[in-house]
Each structure stands twice: as structure tokens, then as C-alpha cells.
Amino acid sequence: MLSARLTARCASARVIGTAVAAGYDIAFDKIGQDGSGKATLLRASTRSVHGALFHLDDVDLALLDQIEGVGRGYDRQSVSVRHDNKVEQAVTYIAPDSCRDATLLPFDWYRGLVVAGAHERRLPSDWIERVQRIVSLPDPQTDRPRRLEAMQILSRCPAEWLNG
């Protein structure tokens, strides 16, 4: 959701705005390659997920499929979202049940990226607070490349996005 992270991976990424996917909730139980919990959506009839909406060129969407692990932990799925008072189709990555583990927790840097992205997009404060309350744990591998990348991106974010 944090534009700096996505544009570092996909040069064509352009922010369209914010969107809400009704009938879904967020969970951090996708089994990550690093053993931590990653974000995914799950069906929840009475909930809604707030997020960012981006445009990607087809080449970058294919690249993002590889980065996110389509077929190896995530499936790319089309979901209906509300954006600018219209319902549109968007794609997102959702973990199948076989790639989920409710006992996992996200690393603190990963949750930090999600929280910073929510601040950047000015999502509702109750949504941001909800994500901030997700229990996370320190990454035991301090030299992990994804952690180092995340820490560099987060170091450029306003301090108020990171405290909470």
C-alpha cells in the first residue's frame, strides 16, 4: 500500500486513490517465505477493508505477480471495490487456505509498511488504529534483504506515521 515500496518494485505504479472492498477483512496469516505472517484478505460479510488503488502497466503487473508469489502462496483475484462513489473491479493477492496459518505474526517492519501506507493514503483513523494493534514481532534476521529495504523506505516516512 505504501507507494514508495510499490514504485521501487514497479516503475509504472501510479496512485489512483483509496478504495474499500466490502465483504472482506484483513488477516496477517499468509505463510511468508521468511516464516512470518503476511497480509491477505478473507471473506467476512460484515467487514470492509480499506486500501490503496494503483494503476500498473501489464509488464509490471506480471513482475508483481512474481514478487508476490502467484501460484506459490498467493492467487491474484479480482474484487469489487468502491472508489470515488463508484464500484470498480480491482486485482489483489489473496492467500488460499492451504497457504495460511493463524498462529503466525507479521514482522514489525512489515506491519510498519502497512501502517505507513494507510497513513500515506489518509485512510480512516479507526482503520489505521486497528492495523497498529496487530501484534507483530521483531525480525530475528536483522540483515534480511526485505527488512533492510523496508527499513530504508520507512526511514523516509514522517515520524507520526511510524509511532503507534
N, C-alpha and C. Protein backbone atom coordinates (compact mmCIF):
# COMPACT_ATOMS: atom_id res chain seq x y z
N MET A 1 0.82 -1.19 0.00
CA MET A 1 0.00 0.00 0.00
C MET A 1 0.87 1.26 0.00
N LEU A 2 2.06 1.17 0.51
CA LEU A 2 2.96 2.33 0.57
C LEU A 2 3.55 2.56 -0.82
N SER A 3 3.29 3.73 -1.39
CA SER A 3 3.67 3.98 -2.78
C SER A 3 5.17 3.84 -3.01
N ALA A 4 6.01 4.25 -2.07
CA ALA A 4 7.46 4.14 -2.26
C ALA A 4 7.89 2.69 -2.43
N ARG A 5 7.25 1.78 -1.71
CA ARG A 5 7.62 0.37 -1.84
C ARG A 5 7.18 -0.18 -3.18
N LEU A 6 5.96 0.17 -3.60
CA LEU A 6 5.48 -0.36 -4.86
C LEU A 6 6.23 0.24 -6.05
N THR A 7 6.50 1.53 -6.02
CA THR A 7 7.22 2.14 -7.15
C THR A 7 8.67 1.67 -7.21
N ALA A 8 9.26 1.27 -6.09
CA ALA A 8 10.61 0.70 -6.11
C ALA A 8 10.61 -0.65 -6.83
N ARG A 9 9.50 -1.32 -6.82
CA ARG A 9 9.38 -2.62 -7.47
C ARG A 9 8.82 -2.52 -8.89
N CYS A 10 7.90 -1.60 -9.07
CA CYS A 10 7.17 -1.49 -10.35
C CYS A 10 7.14 -0.02 -10.76
N ALA A 11 7.99 0.33 -11.72
CA ALA A 11 8.16 1.72 -12.11
C ALA A 11 6.89 2.39 -12.63
N SER A 12 5.98 1.61 -13.19
CA SER A 12 4.77 2.20 -13.76
C SER A 12 3.68 2.49 -12.72
N ALA A 13 3.88 2.09 -11.48
CA ALA A 13 2.84 2.23 -10.45
C ALA A 13 2.46 3.70 -10.26
N ARG A 14 1.18 3.96 -10.38
CA ARG A 14 0.63 5.30 -10.18
C ARG A 14 -0.56 5.20 -9.24
N VAL A 15 -0.59 6.05 -8.23
CA VAL A 15 -1.69 6.06 -7.27
C VAL A 15 -2.94 6.59 -7.95
N ILE A 16 -4.01 5.84 -7.83
CA ILE A 16 -5.32 6.29 -8.30
C ILE A 16 -6.07 6.92 -7.14
N GLY A 17 -5.97 6.33 -5.96
CA GLY A 17 -6.66 6.84 -4.78
C GLY A 17 -6.86 5.74 -3.76
N THR A 18 -7.92 5.87 -3.00
CA THR A 18 -8.24 4.86 -2.00
C THR A 18 -9.46 4.08 -2.46
N ALA A 19 -9.63 2.92 -1.86
CA ALA A 19 -10.75 2.06 -2.21
C ALA A 19 -11.16 1.27 -0.98
N VAL A 20 -12.40 0.80 -1.01
CA VAL A 20 -12.93 -0.03 0.06
C VAL A 20 -13.50 -1.30 -0.58
N ALA A 21 -13.08 -2.44 -0.05
CA ALA A 21 -13.60 -3.73 -0.50
C ALA A 21 -14.55 -4.25 0.58
N ALA A 22 -15.83 -4.16 0.30
CA ALA A 22 -16.84 -4.64 1.25
C ALA A 22 -16.89 -6.16 1.20
N GLY A 23 -17.17 -6.76 2.35
CA GLY A 23 -17.28 -8.21 2.42
C GLY A 23 -15.96 -8.93 2.63
N TYR A 24 -14.93 -8.16 2.99
CA TYR A 24 -13.61 -8.72 3.25
C TYR A 24 -13.07 -8.17 4.56
N ASP A 25 -12.12 -8.91 5.13
CA ASP A 25 -11.36 -8.44 6.28
C ASP A 25 -9.90 -8.70 5.97
N ILE A 26 -9.03 -8.07 6.74
CA ILE A 26 -7.59 -8.27 6.57
C ILE A 26 -7.11 -9.25 7.63
N ALA A 27 -6.19 -10.09 7.24
CA ALA A 27 -5.55 -11.02 8.18
C ALA A 27 -4.07 -11.04 7.84
N PHE A 28 -3.25 -11.30 8.82
CA PHE A 28 -1.81 -11.41 8.63
C PHE A 28 -1.38 -12.86 8.85
N ASP A 29 -2.07 -13.76 8.16
CA ASP A 29 -1.83 -15.18 8.38
C ASP A 29 -1.36 -15.92 7.13
N LYS A 30 -1.01 -15.20 6.08
CA LYS A 30 -0.44 -15.84 4.89
C LYS A 30 0.97 -16.27 5.25
N ILE A 31 1.32 -17.49 4.96
CA ILE A 31 2.64 -18.02 5.31
C ILE A 31 3.68 -17.36 4.41
N GLY A 32 4.51 -16.51 4.98
CA GLY A 32 5.56 -15.84 4.23
C GLY A 32 6.76 -16.74 4.02
N GLN A 33 7.52 -16.47 2.97
CA GLN A 33 8.73 -17.25 2.71
C GLN A 33 9.72 -17.15 3.87
N ASP A 34 9.61 -16.06 4.65
CA ASP A 34 10.52 -15.85 5.77
C ASP A 34 9.95 -16.40 7.08
N GLY A 35 8.81 -17.08 7.01
CA GLY A 35 8.22 -17.68 8.20
C GLY A 35 7.31 -16.78 9.00
N SER A 36 7.12 -15.56 8.56
CA SER A 36 6.24 -14.63 9.26
C SER A 36 4.89 -14.56 8.56
N GLY A 37 3.93 -13.91 9.21
CA GLY A 37 2.61 -13.71 8.63
C GLY A 37 2.58 -12.51 7.70
N LYS A 38 2.00 -12.69 6.54
CA LYS A 38 1.85 -11.61 5.56
C LYS A 38 0.37 -11.30 5.41
N ALA A 39 0.07 -10.13 4.90
CA ALA A 39 -1.31 -9.68 4.77
C ALA A 39 -2.03 -10.41 3.65
N THR A 40 -3.28 -10.69 3.89
CA THR A 40 -4.18 -11.25 2.89
C THR A 40 -5.59 -10.84 3.25
N LEU A 41 -6.47 -11.04 2.33
CA LEU A 41 -7.89 -10.77 2.58
C LEU A 41 -8.62 -12.07 2.81
N LEU A 42 -9.70 -11.99 3.56
CA LEU A 42 -10.56 -13.13 3.76
C LEU A 42 -11.99 -12.65 3.70
N ARG A 43 -12.85 -13.50 3.25
CA ARG A 43 -14.27 -13.14 3.16
C ARG A 43 -14.83 -12.94 4.57
N ALA A 44 -15.54 -11.84 4.74
CA ALA A 44 -16.18 -11.51 6.01
C ALA A 44 -17.37 -10.61 5.70
N SER A 45 -18.54 -11.15 5.72
CA SER A 45 -19.72 -10.44 5.21
C SER A 45 -20.00 -9.10 5.89
N THR A 46 -19.61 -8.96 7.14
CA THR A 46 -19.94 -7.72 7.86
C THR A 46 -18.77 -6.75 7.97
N ARG A 47 -17.67 -7.02 7.27
CA ARG A 47 -16.48 -6.17 7.38
C ARG A 47 -16.16 -5.52 6.04
N SER A 48 -15.25 -4.58 6.09
CA SER A 48 -14.72 -3.93 4.88
C SER A 48 -13.25 -3.66 5.08
N VAL A 49 -12.51 -3.72 3.99
CA VAL A 49 -11.08 -3.45 4.02
C VAL A 49 -10.81 -2.16 3.27
N HIS A 50 -10.06 -1.27 3.89
CA HIS A 50 -9.64 -0.02 3.25
C HIS A 50 -8.25 -0.21 2.67
N GLY A 51 -8.01 0.40 1.53
CA GLY A 51 -6.69 0.26 0.93
C GLY A 51 -6.44 1.28 -0.15
N ALA A 52 -5.30 1.09 -0.81
CA ALA A 52 -4.88 1.98 -1.89
C ALA A 52 -5.18 1.32 -3.22
N LEU A 53 -5.47 2.15 -4.20
CA LEU A 53 -5.73 1.68 -5.55
C LEU A 53 -4.66 2.26 -6.45
N PHE A 54 -3.98 1.37 -7.18
CA PHE A 54 -2.89 1.77 -8.07
C PHE A 54 -3.19 1.30 -9.49
N HIS A 55 -2.58 1.98 -10.44
CA HIS A 55 -2.55 1.50 -11.82
C HIS A 55 -1.15 0.97 -12.08
N LEU A 56 -1.08 -0.20 -12.72
CA LEU A 56 0.19 -0.80 -13.14
C LEU A 56 0.09 -1.18 -14.60
N ASP A 57 1.16 -0.95 -15.36
CA ASP A 57 1.23 -1.48 -16.71
C ASP A 57 1.25 -3.00 -16.64
N ASP A 58 0.83 -3.65 -17.72
CA ASP A 58 0.77 -5.12 -17.75
C ASP A 58 2.12 -5.77 -17.42
N VAL A 59 3.20 -5.20 -17.93
CA VAL A 59 4.54 -5.77 -17.66
C VAL A 59 4.83 -5.74 -16.16
N ASP A 60 4.51 -4.62 -15.50
CA ASP A 60 4.75 -4.53 -14.06
C ASP A 60 3.79 -5.40 -13.26
N LEU A 61 2.58 -5.59 -13.76
CA LEU A 61 1.66 -6.49 -13.06
C LEU A 61 2.20 -7.91 -13.09
N ALA A 62 2.76 -8.31 -14.22
CA ALA A 62 3.38 -9.64 -14.31
C ALA A 62 4.58 -9.75 -13.38
N LEU A 63 5.37 -8.68 -13.29
CA LEU A 63 6.51 -8.66 -12.37
C LEU A 63 6.02 -8.75 -10.92
N LEU A 64 4.97 -8.00 -10.58
CA LEU A 64 4.44 -8.04 -9.22
C LEU A 64 3.89 -9.43 -8.90
N ASP A 65 3.30 -10.09 -9.88
CA ASP A 65 2.84 -11.47 -9.67
C ASP A 65 4.01 -12.35 -9.22
N GLN A 66 5.17 -12.17 -9.85
CA GLN A 66 6.35 -12.96 -9.48
C GLN A 66 6.83 -12.59 -8.08
N ILE A 67 6.89 -11.30 -7.78
CA ILE A 67 7.36 -10.84 -6.47
C ILE A 67 6.43 -11.35 -5.36
N GLU A 68 5.13 -11.24 -5.58
CA GLU A 68 4.17 -11.64 -4.55
C GLU A 68 4.02 -13.16 -4.43
N GLY A 69 4.42 -13.88 -5.47
CA GLY A 69 4.37 -15.33 -5.40
C GLY A 69 3.06 -15.93 -5.88
N VAL A 70 2.54 -15.42 -7.00
CA VAL A 70 1.32 -16.01 -7.54
C VAL A 70 1.58 -17.48 -7.87
N GLY A 71 0.71 -18.33 -7.36
CA GLY A 71 0.86 -19.76 -7.53
C GLY A 71 1.76 -20.40 -6.49
N ARG A 72 2.39 -19.57 -5.63
CA ARG A 72 3.29 -20.07 -4.59
C ARG A 72 2.93 -19.46 -3.24
N GLY A 73 1.67 -19.21 -3.02
CA GLY A 73 1.25 -18.63 -1.74
C GLY A 73 0.14 -17.60 -1.89
N TYR A 74 0.09 -16.97 -3.02
CA TYR A 74 -0.99 -16.02 -3.30
C TYR A 74 -1.62 -16.36 -4.64
N ASP A 75 -2.89 -16.04 -4.75
CA ASP A 75 -3.59 -16.06 -6.03
C ASP A 75 -3.99 -14.62 -6.33
N ARG A 76 -3.84 -14.21 -7.59
CA ARG A 76 -4.32 -12.88 -7.98
C ARG A 76 -5.80 -13.02 -8.27
N GLN A 77 -6.61 -12.18 -7.60
CA GLN A 77 -8.06 -12.26 -7.74
C GLN A 77 -8.64 -10.89 -8.00
N SER A 78 -9.74 -10.89 -8.72
CA SER A 78 -10.48 -9.66 -8.97
C SER A 78 -11.50 -9.48 -7.85
N VAL A 79 -11.56 -8.28 -7.32
CA VAL A 79 -12.53 -7.95 -6.27
C VAL A 79 -13.23 -6.65 -6.64
N SER A 80 -14.46 -6.51 -6.19
CA SER A 80 -15.18 -5.26 -6.37
C SER A 80 -14.78 -4.29 -5.27
N VAL A 81 -14.46 -3.06 -5.65
CA VAL A 81 -14.10 -2.03 -4.68
C VAL A 81 -14.91 -0.78 -4.96
N ARG A 82 -15.09 0.01 -3.92
CA ARG A 82 -15.74 1.31 -4.08
C ARG A 82 -14.65 2.36 -4.11
N HIS A 83 -14.64 3.15 -5.18
CA HIS A 83 -13.67 4.23 -5.38
C HIS A 83 -14.41 5.39 -6.01
N ASP A 84 -14.27 6.58 -5.42
CA ASP A 84 -14.95 7.78 -5.94
C ASP A 84 -16.44 7.53 -6.15
N ASN A 85 -17.07 6.89 -5.17
CA ASN A 85 -18.51 6.60 -5.20
C ASN A 85 -18.95 5.74 -6.37
N LYS A 86 -18.02 4.97 -6.93
CA LYS A 86 -18.34 4.02 -7.99
C LYS A 86 -17.79 2.66 -7.59
N VAL A 87 -18.45 1.62 -8.05
CA VAL A 87 -17.94 0.27 -7.84
C VAL A 87 -17.14 -0.11 -9.08
N GLU A 88 -15.90 -0.56 -8.84
CA GLU A 88 -15.00 -0.94 -9.91
C GLU A 88 -14.38 -2.29 -9.58
N GLN A 89 -13.76 -2.89 -10.57
CA GLN A 89 -13.03 -4.12 -10.36
C GLN A 89 -11.54 -3.79 -10.17
N ALA A 90 -10.93 -4.43 -9.21
CA ALA A 90 -9.50 -4.27 -8.95
C ALA A 90 -8.93 -5.66 -8.70
N VAL A 91 -7.62 -5.78 -8.85
CA VAL A 91 -7.00 -7.06 -8.53
C VAL A 91 -6.22 -6.92 -7.23
N THR A 92 -6.17 -8.02 -6.51
CA THR A 92 -5.42 -8.08 -5.27
C THR A 92 -4.89 -9.50 -5.13
N TYR A 93 -4.06 -9.69 -4.13
CA TYR A 93 -3.46 -11.00 -3.88
C TYR A 93 -4.08 -11.59 -2.63
N ILE A 94 -4.64 -12.79 -2.77
CA ILE A 94 -5.31 -13.46 -1.67
C ILE A 94 -4.71 -14.85 -1.50
N ALA A 95 -4.36 -15.18 -0.27
CA ALA A 95 -3.78 -16.49 0.01
C ALA A 95 -4.87 -17.55 0.09
N PRO A 96 -4.66 -18.69 -0.58
CA PRO A 96 -5.61 -19.79 -0.42
C PRO A 96 -5.47 -20.38 0.99
N ASP A 97 -6.49 -21.07 1.42
CA ASP A 97 -6.48 -21.64 2.78
C ASP A 97 -5.24 -22.49 3.05
N SER A 98 -4.75 -23.20 2.03
CA SER A 98 -3.59 -24.08 2.22
C SER A 98 -2.30 -23.31 2.49
N CYS A 99 -2.32 -22.01 2.29
CA CYS A 99 -1.13 -21.17 2.50
C CYS A 99 -1.32 -20.19 3.64
N ARG A 100 -2.17 -20.57 4.58
CA ARG A 100 -2.47 -19.71 5.73
C ARG A 100 -2.21 -20.45 7.03
N ASP A 101 -1.81 -19.69 8.04
CA ASP A 101 -1.56 -20.26 9.37
C ASP A 101 -1.91 -19.18 10.39
N ALA A 102 -3.00 -19.36 11.09
CA ALA A 102 -3.50 -18.35 12.03
C ALA A 102 -2.56 -18.12 13.21
N THR A 103 -1.56 -18.97 13.41
CA THR A 103 -0.64 -18.77 14.53
C THR A 103 0.51 -17.82 14.18
N LEU A 104 0.65 -17.46 12.92
CA LEU A 104 1.75 -16.59 12.51
C LEU A 104 1.50 -15.14 12.88
N LEU A 105 2.59 -14.42 13.08
CA LEU A 105 2.54 -12.97 13.31
C LEU A 105 3.42 -12.30 12.26
N PRO A 106 3.06 -11.07 11.89
CA PRO A 106 3.92 -10.34 10.96
C PRO A 106 5.14 -9.78 11.68
N PHE A 107 6.22 -9.58 10.93
CA PHE A 107 7.36 -8.87 11.49
C PHE A 107 6.99 -7.40 11.66
N ASP A 108 7.61 -6.73 12.63
CA ASP A 108 7.29 -5.33 12.91
C ASP A 108 7.51 -4.43 11.70
N TRP A 109 8.56 -4.68 10.92
CA TRP A 109 8.82 -3.85 9.74
C TRP A 109 7.75 -4.03 8.68
N TYR A 110 7.20 -5.22 8.56
CA TYR A 110 6.16 -5.48 7.57
C TYR A 110 4.86 -4.77 7.98
N ARG A 111 4.49 -4.92 9.24
CA ARG A 111 3.31 -4.20 9.73
C ARG A 111 3.53 -2.71 9.59
N GLY A 112 4.76 -2.23 9.83
CA GLY A 112 5.08 -0.81 9.68
C GLY A 112 4.83 -0.31 8.27
N LEU A 113 5.15 -1.13 7.27
CA LEU A 113 4.87 -0.74 5.88
C LEU A 113 3.38 -0.57 5.64
N VAL A 114 2.58 -1.48 6.19
CA VAL A 114 1.13 -1.41 6.02
C VAL A 114 0.58 -0.16 6.73
N VAL A 115 1.04 0.09 7.94
CA VAL A 115 0.58 1.27 8.69
C VAL A 115 1.00 2.56 7.99
N ALA A 116 2.24 2.64 7.54
CA ALA A 116 2.71 3.84 6.83
C ALA A 116 1.90 4.06 5.56
N GLY A 117 1.60 2.99 4.84
CA GLY A 117 0.78 3.12 3.64
C GLY A 117 -0.62 3.61 3.96
N ALA A 118 -1.18 3.16 5.07
CA ALA A 118 -2.51 3.63 5.48
C ALA A 118 -2.47 5.12 5.82
N HIS A 119 -1.41 5.55 6.49
CA HIS A 119 -1.26 6.99 6.77
C HIS A 119 -1.10 7.78 5.48
N GLU A 120 -0.23 7.28 4.60
CA GLU A 120 0.03 7.98 3.34
C GLU A 120 -1.27 8.19 2.56
N ARG A 121 -2.13 7.22 2.53
CA ARG A 121 -3.39 7.30 1.78
C ARG A 121 -4.49 7.96 2.59
N ARG A 122 -4.17 8.36 3.81
CA ARG A 122 -5.14 9.03 4.70
C ARG A 122 -6.41 8.20 4.89
N LEU A 123 -6.18 6.93 5.17
CA LEU A 123 -7.30 6.04 5.45
C LEU A 123 -7.93 6.43 6.79
N PRO A 124 -9.14 5.98 7.05
CA PRO A 124 -9.80 6.35 8.31
C PRO A 124 -8.94 6.00 9.53
N SER A 125 -8.97 6.88 10.51
CA SER A 125 -8.12 6.69 11.69
C SER A 125 -8.44 5.40 12.44
N ASP A 126 -9.72 4.99 12.47
CA ASP A 126 -10.03 3.74 13.16
C ASP A 126 -9.44 2.54 12.41
N TRP A 127 -9.32 2.63 11.09
CA TRP A 127 -8.68 1.55 10.32
C TRP A 127 -7.19 1.50 10.64
N ILE A 128 -6.55 2.67 10.66
CA ILE A 128 -5.12 2.74 10.96
C ILE A 128 -4.86 2.19 12.37
N GLU A 129 -5.68 2.60 13.32
CA GLU A 129 -5.50 2.12 14.70
C GLU A 129 -5.68 0.61 14.77
N ARG A 130 -6.61 0.09 14.01
CA ARG A 130 -6.83 -1.36 14.01
C ARG A 130 -5.59 -2.10 13.51
N VAL A 131 -4.98 -1.61 12.43
CA VAL A 131 -3.78 -2.27 11.91
C VAL A 131 -2.61 -2.09 12.88
N GLN A 132 -2.52 -0.94 13.53
CA GLN A 132 -1.45 -0.71 14.50
C GLN A 132 -1.56 -1.68 15.68
N ARG A 133 -2.77 -2.12 16.00
CA ARG A 133 -2.97 -3.04 17.13
C ARG A 133 -2.62 -4.48 16.79
N ILE A 134 -2.39 -4.79 15.53
CA ILE A 134 -1.99 -6.15 15.15
C ILE A 134 -0.67 -6.45 15.84
N VAL A 135 -0.63 -7.54 16.56
CA VAL A 135 0.59 -7.92 17.26
C VAL A 135 1.64 -8.31 16.21
N SER A 136 2.85 -7.79 16.38
CA SER A 136 3.95 -8.12 15.47
C SER A 136 5.15 -8.54 16.31
N LEU A 137 6.16 -9.04 15.62
CA LEU A 137 7.37 -9.42 16.35
C LEU A 137 8.60 -8.94 15.61
N PRO A 138 9.69 -8.74 16.34
CA PRO A 138 10.94 -8.31 15.70
C PRO A 138 11.46 -9.41 14.78
N ASP A 139 12.03 -9.00 13.69
CA ASP A 139 12.63 -9.95 12.75
C ASP A 139 13.95 -10.42 13.36
N PRO A 140 14.12 -11.72 13.59
CA PRO A 140 15.37 -12.20 14.19
C PRO A 140 16.57 -12.11 13.23
N GLN A 141 16.29 -11.96 11.96
CA GLN A 141 17.36 -11.85 10.97
C GLN A 141 17.48 -10.37 10.56
N THR A 142 18.31 -9.63 11.29
CA THR A 142 18.39 -8.18 11.08
C THR A 142 19.00 -7.79 9.74
N ASP A 143 19.69 -8.71 9.09
CA ASP A 143 20.27 -8.40 7.79
C ASP A 143 19.44 -8.96 6.63
N ARG A 144 18.20 -9.33 6.88
CA ARG A 144 17.31 -9.85 5.83
C ARG A 144 17.12 -8.75 4.78
N PRO A 145 17.33 -9.05 3.51
CA PRO A 145 17.21 -8.02 2.46
C PRO A 145 15.86 -7.31 2.44
N ARG A 146 14.77 -8.04 2.62
CA ARG A 146 13.44 -7.38 2.63
C ARG A 146 13.30 -6.45 3.82
N ARG A 147 13.87 -6.85 4.96
CA ARG A 147 13.82 -5.98 6.14
C ARG A 147 14.63 -4.72 5.88
N LEU A 148 15.83 -4.87 5.33
CA LEU A 148 16.68 -3.71 5.06
C LEU A 148 16.01 -2.76 4.08
N GLU A 149 15.39 -3.31 3.04
CA GLU A 149 14.65 -2.49 2.08
C GLU A 149 13.53 -1.74 2.78
N ALA A 150 12.76 -2.45 3.61
CA ALA A 150 11.65 -1.84 4.33
C ALA A 150 12.13 -0.74 5.27
N MET A 151 13.21 -1.01 6.00
CA MET A 151 13.71 -0.01 6.94
C MET A 151 14.17 1.26 6.22
N GLN A 152 14.76 1.08 5.05
CA GLN A 152 15.19 2.25 4.27
C GLN A 152 13.97 3.06 3.83
N ILE A 153 12.94 2.40 3.34
CA ILE A 153 11.72 3.10 2.92
C ILE A 153 11.06 3.77 4.12
N LEU A 154 10.94 3.05 5.23
CA LEU A 154 10.29 3.61 6.42
C LEU A 154 11.07 4.79 6.99
N SER A 155 12.39 4.81 6.81
CA SER A 155 13.19 5.93 7.34
C SER A 155 12.86 7.23 6.64
N ARG A 156 12.24 7.17 5.48
CA ARG A 156 11.86 8.38 4.75
C ARG A 156 10.43 8.82 5.04
N CYS A 157 9.73 8.08 5.87
CA CYS A 157 8.35 8.41 6.22
C CYS A 157 8.32 9.37 7.41
N PRO A 158 7.30 10.23 7.48
CA PRO A 158 7.15 11.09 8.66
C PRO A 158 7.05 10.27 9.95
N ALA A 159 7.66 10.76 10.99
CA ALA A 159 7.71 10.04 12.26
C ALA A 159 6.30 9.72 12.79
N GLU A 160 5.34 10.59 12.57
CA GLU A 160 3.98 10.35 13.09
C GLU A 160 3.32 9.14 12.41
N TRP A 161 3.81 8.74 11.25
CA TRP A 161 3.27 7.54 10.62
C TRP A 161 3.79 6.28 11.29
N LEU A 162 4.92 6.39 11.96
CA LEU A 162 5.59 5.22 12.50
C LEU A 162 5.33 4.98 13.96
N ASN A 163 4.90 6.00 14.67
CA ASN A 163 4.66 5.88 16.11
C ASN A 163 3.25 5.44 16.36
N GLY A 164 3.10 4.36 17.05
CA GLY A 164 1.75 3.92 17.34
C GLY A 164 1.64 2.55 17.73
